[in-house]
Amino acid sequence: MTLSTSRSPDKGSIKERIKAAIAKATAGLPQEQAAPLAFSLASTAVPGARLLKRRHWSIH
């Protein structure tokens, strides 16, 4: 008998966690301050997520 198990990340959940972290941290900030902070948070909000290009992610 052979049994195999595979796991894949819930990309929808990860996307929502990133959006929530960015929204919470940038609330009330002007755009010129919020943009760099959002970029920095997006790249560290989810372990295993890596920003390749603007809006293109690699999730391991």
PDB file of N, CA and C in Angstrom:
ATOM      1  N   MET A   1       0.848  -1.166   0.000  1.00  0.00           N
ATOM      2  CA  MET A   1       0.000   0.000   0.000  1.00  0.00           C
ATOM      3  C   MET A   1       0.901   1.239   0.000  1.00  0.00           C
ATOM      4  N   THR A   2       0.558   2.200  -0.818  1.00  0.00           N
ATOM      5  CA  THR A   2       1.303   3.450  -0.892  1.00  0.00           C
ATOM      6  C   THR A   2       0.390   4.602  -0.503  1.00  0.00           C
ATOM      7  N   LEU A   3       0.898   5.467   0.322  1.00  0.00           N
ATOM      8  CA  LEU A   3       0.133   6.630   0.772  1.00  0.00           C
ATOM      9  C   LEU A   3       0.980   7.866   0.529  1.00  0.00           C
ATOM     10  N   SER A   4       0.393   8.835  -0.108  1.00  0.00           N
ATOM     11  CA  SER A   4       1.125  10.096  -0.305  1.00  0.00           C
ATOM     12  C   SER A   4       0.262  11.251   0.183  1.00  0.00           C
ATOM     13  N   THR A   5       0.928  12.228   0.729  1.00  0.00           N
ATOM     14  CA  THR A   5       0.260  13.410   1.246  1.00  0.00           C
ATOM     15  C   THR A   5       0.939  14.630   0.654  1.00  0.00           C
ATOM     16  N   SER A   6       0.146  15.572   0.220  1.00  0.00           N
ATOM     17  CA  SER A   6       0.727  16.818  -0.289  1.00  0.00           C
ATOM     18  C   SER A   6       0.070  17.993   0.428  1.00  0.00           C
ATOM     19  N   ARG A   7       0.837  19.039   0.563  1.00  0.00           N
ATOM     20  CA  ARG A   7       0.340  20.260   1.196  1.00  0.00           C
ATOM     21  C   ARG A   7       0.528  21.406   0.230  1.00  0.00           C
ATOM     22  N   SER A   8      -0.433  22.296   0.207  1.00  0.00           N
ATOM     23  CA  SER A   8      -0.281  23.501  -0.595  1.00  0.00           C
ATOM     24  C   SER A   8      -0.784  24.679   0.237  1.00  0.00           C
ATOM     25  N   PRO A   9      -0.162  25.822   0.093  1.00  0.00           N
ATOM     26  CA  PRO A   9      -0.562  26.981   0.900  1.00  0.00           C
ATOM     27  C   PRO A   9      -1.938  27.498   0.483  1.00  0.00           C
ATOM     28  N   ASP A  10      -2.671  28.011   1.447  1.00  0.00           N
ATOM     29  CA  ASP A  10      -3.957  28.645   1.178  1.00  0.00           C
ATOM     30  C   ASP A  10      -3.664  30.079   0.755  1.00  0.00           C
ATOM     31  N   LYS A  11      -3.516  30.282  -0.533  1.00  0.00           N
ATOM     32  CA  LYS A  11      -3.078  31.579  -1.048  1.00  0.00           C
ATOM     33  C   LYS A  11      -4.091  32.689  -0.778  1.00  0.00           C
ATOM     34  N   GLY A  12      -5.363  32.362  -0.750  1.00  0.00           N
ATOM     35  CA  GLY A  12      -6.381  33.364  -0.437  1.00  0.00           C
ATOM     36  C   GLY A  12      -6.233  33.883   0.988  1.00  0.00           C
ATOM     37  N   SER A  13      -5.979  32.972   1.916  1.00  0.00           N
ATOM     38  CA  SER A  13      -5.781  33.355   3.308  1.00  0.00           C
ATOM     39  C   SER A  13      -4.519  34.197   3.473  1.00  0.00           C
ATOM     40  N   ILE A  14      -3.468  33.816   2.782  1.00  0.00           N
ATOM     41  CA  ILE A  14      -2.212  34.557   2.857  1.00  0.00           C
ATOM     42  C   ILE A  14      -2.408  35.969   2.324  1.00  0.00           C
ATOM     43  N   LYS A  15      -3.106  36.097   1.215  1.00  0.00           N
ATOM     44  CA  LYS A  15      -3.365  37.406   0.611  1.00  0.00           C
ATOM     45  C   LYS A  15      -4.138  38.300   1.584  1.00  0.00           C
ATOM     46  N   GLU A  16      -5.153  37.735   2.239  1.00  0.00           N
ATOM     47  CA  GLU A  16      -5.942  38.511   3.192  1.00  0.00           C
ATOM     48  C   GLU A  16      -5.112  38.920   4.409  1.00  0.00           C
ATOM     49  N   ARG A  17      -4.224  38.053   4.876  1.00  0.00           N
ATOM     50  CA  ARG A  17      -3.357  38.396   6.013  1.00  0.00           C
ATOM     51  C   ARG A  17      -2.418  39.539   5.652  1.00  0.00           C
ATOM     52  N   ILE A  18      -1.882  39.520   4.450  1.00  0.00           N
ATOM     53  CA  ILE A  18      -0.992  40.592   3.999  1.00  0.00           C
ATOM     54  C   ILE A  18      -1.767  41.905   3.910  1.00  0.00           C
ATOM     55  N   LYS A  19      -2.946  41.867   3.307  1.00  0.00           N
ATOM     56  CA  LYS A  19      -3.769  43.086   3.180  1.00  0.00           C
ATOM     57  C   LYS A  19      -4.132  43.652   4.552  1.00  0.00           C
ATOM     58  N   ALA A  20      -4.504  42.783   5.491  1.00  0.00           N
ATOM     59  CA  ALA A  20      -4.887  43.243   6.827  1.00  0.00           C
ATOM     60  C   ALA A  20      -3.711  43.880   7.553  1.00  0.00           C
ATOM     61  N   ALA A  21      -2.534  43.282   7.452  1.00  0.00           N
ATOM     62  CA  ALA A  21      -1.345  43.834   8.106  1.00  0.00           C
ATOM     63  C   ALA A  21      -0.989  45.203   7.540  1.00  0.00           C
ATOM     64  N   ILE A  22      -1.073  45.332   6.226  1.00  0.00           N
ATOM     65  CA  ILE A  22      -0.756  46.611   5.577  1.00  0.00           C
ATOM     66  C   ILE A  22      -1.783  47.667   5.953  1.00  0.00           C
ATOM     67  N   ALA A  23      -3.068  47.334   5.914  1.00  0.00           N
ATOM     68  CA  ALA A  23      -4.119  48.297   6.241  1.00  0.00           C
ATOM     69  C   ALA A  23      -3.988  48.794   7.678  1.00  0.00           C
ATOM     70  N   LYS A  24      -3.701  47.886   8.592  1.00  0.00           N
ATOM     71  CA  LYS A  24      -3.570  48.262  10.003  1.00  0.00           C
ATOM     72  C   LYS A  24      -2.371  49.178  10.230  1.00  0.00           C
ATOM     73  N   ALA A  25      -1.251  48.866   9.602  1.00  0.00           N
ATOM     74  CA  ALA A  25      -0.027  49.636   9.825  1.00  0.00           C
ATOM     75  C   ALA A  25      -0.029  50.991   9.126  1.00  0.00           C
ATOM     76  N   THR A  26      -0.740  51.111   8.017  1.00  0.00           N
ATOM     77  CA  THR A  26      -0.690  52.358   7.241  1.00  0.00           C
ATOM     78  C   THR A  26      -1.907  53.245   7.448  1.00  0.00           C
ATOM     79  N   ALA A  27      -2.799  52.859   8.341  1.00  0.00           N
ATOM     80  CA  ALA A  27      -4.004  53.655   8.590  1.00  0.00           C
ATOM     81  C   ALA A  27      -3.624  55.058   9.056  1.00  0.00           C
ATOM     82  N   GLY A  28      -4.132  56.056   8.377  1.00  0.00           N
ATOM     83  CA  GLY A  28      -3.905  57.440   8.769  1.00  0.00           C
ATOM     84  C   GLY A  28      -2.601  58.050   8.280  1.00  0.00           C
ATOM     85  N   LEU A  29      -1.760  57.296   7.597  1.00  0.00           N
ATOM     86  CA  LEU A  29      -0.502  57.841   7.090  1.00  0.00           C
ATOM     87  C   LEU A  29      -0.698  58.442   5.698  1.00  0.00           C
ATOM     88  N   PRO A  30       0.045  59.497   5.385  1.00  0.00           N
ATOM     89  CA  PRO A  30      -0.006  60.021   4.025  1.00  0.00           C
ATOM     90  C   PRO A  30       0.599  59.016   3.033  1.00  0.00           C
ATOM     91  N   GLN A  31       0.208  59.101   1.786  1.00  0.00           N
ATOM     92  CA  GLN A  31       0.623  58.144   0.758  1.00  0.00           C
ATOM     93  C   GLN A  31       2.138  57.999   0.654  1.00  0.00           C
ATOM     94  N   GLU A  32       2.876  59.104   0.734  1.00  0.00           N
ATOM     95  CA  GLU A  32       4.335  59.022   0.581  1.00  0.00           C
ATOM     96  C   GLU A  32       5.008  58.280   1.742  1.00  0.00           C
ATOM     97  N   GLN A  33       4.376  58.235   2.899  1.00  0.00           N
ATOM     98  CA  GLN A  33       4.906  57.457   4.020  1.00  0.00           C
ATOM     99  C   GLN A  33       4.365  56.034   4.020  1.00  0.00           C
ATOM    100  N   ALA A  34       3.140  55.867   3.553  1.00  0.00           N
ATOM    101  CA  ALA A  34       2.491  54.557   3.594  1.00  0.00           C
ATOM    102  C   ALA A  34       3.067  53.584   2.568  1.00  0.00           C
ATOM    103  N   ALA A  35       3.457  54.066   1.403  1.00  0.00           N
ATOM    104  CA  ALA A  35       3.923  53.174   0.330  1.00  0.00           C
ATOM    105  C   ALA A  35       5.169  52.372   0.720  1.00  0.00           C
ATOM    106  N   PRO A  36       6.248  53.009   1.208  1.00  0.00           N
ATOM    107  CA  PRO A  36       7.414  52.207   1.591  1.00  0.00           C
ATOM    108  C   PRO A  36       7.133  51.271   2.764  1.00  0.00           C
ATOM    109  N   LEU A  37       6.309  51.717   3.697  1.00  0.00           N
ATOM    110  CA  LEU A  37       5.955  50.872   4.833  1.00  0.00           C
ATOM    111  C   LEU A  37       5.156  49.656   4.368  1.00  0.00           C
ATOM    112  N   ALA A  38       4.222  49.864   3.453  1.00  0.00           N
ATOM    113  CA  ALA A  38       3.416  48.763   2.918  1.00  0.00           C
ATOM    114  C   ALA A  38       4.306  47.740   2.212  1.00  0.00           C
ATOM    115  N   PHE A  39       5.261  48.203   1.444  1.00  0.00           N
ATOM    116  CA  PHE A  39       6.172  47.303   0.738  1.00  0.00           C
ATOM    117  C   PHE A  39       6.982  46.467   1.729  1.00  0.00           C
ATOM    118  N   SER A  40       7.494  47.122   2.749  1.00  0.00           N
ATOM    119  CA  SER A  40       8.294  46.426   3.747  1.00  0.00           C
ATOM    120  C   SER A  40       7.453  45.405   4.520  1.00  0.00           C
ATOM    121  N   LEU A  41       6.233  45.759   4.883  1.00  0.00           N
ATOM    122  CA  LEU A  41       5.364  44.835   5.612  1.00  0.00           C
ATOM    123  C   LEU A  41       4.945  43.656   4.745  1.00  0.00           C
ATOM    124  N   ALA A  42       4.682  43.925   3.490  1.00  0.00           N
ATOM    125  CA  ALA A  42       4.229  42.858   2.601  1.00  0.00           C
ATOM    126  C   ALA A  42       5.287  41.783   2.461  1.00  0.00           C
ATOM    127  N   SER A  43       6.530  42.180   2.481  1.00  0.00           N
ATOM    128  CA  SER A  43       7.585  41.184   2.294  1.00  0.00           C
ATOM    129  C   SER A  43       7.900  40.409   3.569  1.00  0.00           C
ATOM    130  N   THR A  44       7.388  40.853   4.725  1.00  0.00           N
ATOM    131  CA  THR A  44       7.667  40.147   5.977  1.00  0.00           C
ATOM    132  C   THR A  44       6.419  39.645   6.697  1.00  0.00           C
ATOM    133  N   ALA A  45       5.233  39.952   6.187  1.00  0.00           N
ATOM    134  CA  ALA A  45       3.990  39.622   6.892  1.00  0.00           C
ATOM    135  C   ALA A  45       3.720  38.123   6.960  1.00  0.00           C
ATOM    136  N   VAL A  46       4.126  37.400   5.940  1.00  0.00           N
ATOM    137  CA  VAL A  46       3.840  35.969   5.887  1.00  0.00           C
ATOM    138  C   VAL A  46       5.136  35.205   5.674  1.00  0.00           C
ATOM    139  N   PRO A  47       5.495  34.337   6.605  1.00  0.00           N
ATOM    140  CA  PRO A  47       6.703  33.543   6.407  1.00  0.00           C
ATOM    141  C   PRO A  47       6.582  32.690   5.140  1.00  0.00           C
ATOM    142  N   GLY A  48       7.632  32.669   4.347  1.00  0.00           N
ATOM    143  CA  GLY A  48       7.622  31.898   3.113  1.00  0.00           C
ATOM    144  C   GLY A  48       7.151  32.671   1.911  1.00  0.00           C
ATOM    145  N   ALA A  49       6.641  33.885   2.104  1.00  0.00           N
ATOM    146  CA  ALA A  49       6.185  34.701   0.979  1.00  0.00           C
ATOM    147  C   ALA A  49       7.313  35.642   0.564  1.00  0.00           C
ATOM    148  N   ARG A  50       7.517  35.759  -0.728  1.00  0.00           N
ATOM    149  CA  ARG A  50       8.584  36.606  -1.240  1.00  0.00           C
ATOM    150  C   ARG A  50       8.057  37.398  -2.422  1.00  0.00           C
ATOM    151  N   LEU A  51       8.269  38.698  -2.402  1.00  0.00           N
ATOM    152  CA  LEU A  51       7.820  39.568  -3.481  1.00  0.00           C
ATOM    153  C   LEU A  51       8.820  39.489  -4.623  1.00  0.00           C
ATOM    154  N   LEU A  52       8.356  39.059  -5.790  1.00  0.00           N
ATOM    155  CA  LEU A  52       9.226  38.962  -6.953  1.00  0.00           C
ATOM    156  C   LEU A  52       9.254  40.278  -7.728  1.00  0.00           C
ATOM    157  N   LYS A  53       8.079  40.770  -8.052  1.00  0.00           N
ATOM    158  CA  LYS A  53       7.901  42.068  -8.695  1.00  0.00           C
ATOM    159  C   LYS A  53       6.664  42.673  -8.058  1.00  0.00           C
ATOM    160  N   ARG A  54       6.377  43.896  -8.388  1.00  0.00           N
ATOM    161  CA  ARG A  54       5.180  44.521  -7.829  1.00  0.00           C
ATOM    162  C   ARG A  54       3.967  43.640  -8.111  1.00  0.00           C
ATOM    163  N   ARG A  55       3.302  43.192  -7.062  1.00  0.00           N
ATOM    164  CA  ARG A  55       2.097  42.363  -7.089  1.00  0.00           C
ATOM    165  C   ARG A  55       2.342  40.916  -7.558  1.00  0.00           C
ATOM    166  N   HIS A  56       3.573  40.477  -7.645  1.00  0.00           N
ATOM    167  CA  HIS A  56       3.864  39.099  -8.019  1.00  0.00           C
ATOM    168  C   HIS A  56       4.638  38.445  -6.882  1.00  0.00           C
ATOM    169  N   TRP A  57       4.039  37.393  -6.306  1.00  0.00           N
ATOM    170  CA  TRP A  57       4.585  36.757  -5.117  1.00  0.00           C
ATOM    171  C   TRP A  57       4.966  35.314  -5.380  1.00  0.00           C
ATOM    172  N   SER A  58       5.926  34.861  -4.645  1.00  0.00           N
ATOM    173  CA  SER A  58       6.291  33.455  -4.593  1.00  0.00           C
ATOM    174  C   SER A  58       6.028  32.997  -3.174  1.00  0.00           C
ATOM    175  N   ILE A  59       5.218  31.957  -3.011  1.00  0.00           N
ATOM    176  CA  ILE A  59       4.873  31.474  -1.680  1.00  0.00           C
ATOM    177  C   ILE A  59       5.307  30.031  -1.570  1.00  0.00           C
ATOM    178  N   HIS A  60       6.150  29.744  -0.585  1.00  0.00           N
ATOM    179  CA  HIS A  60       6.668  28.391  -0.388  1.00  0.00           C
ATOM    180  C   HIS A  60       6.080  27.794   0.855  1.00  0.00           C
TER     181      HIS A  60
END
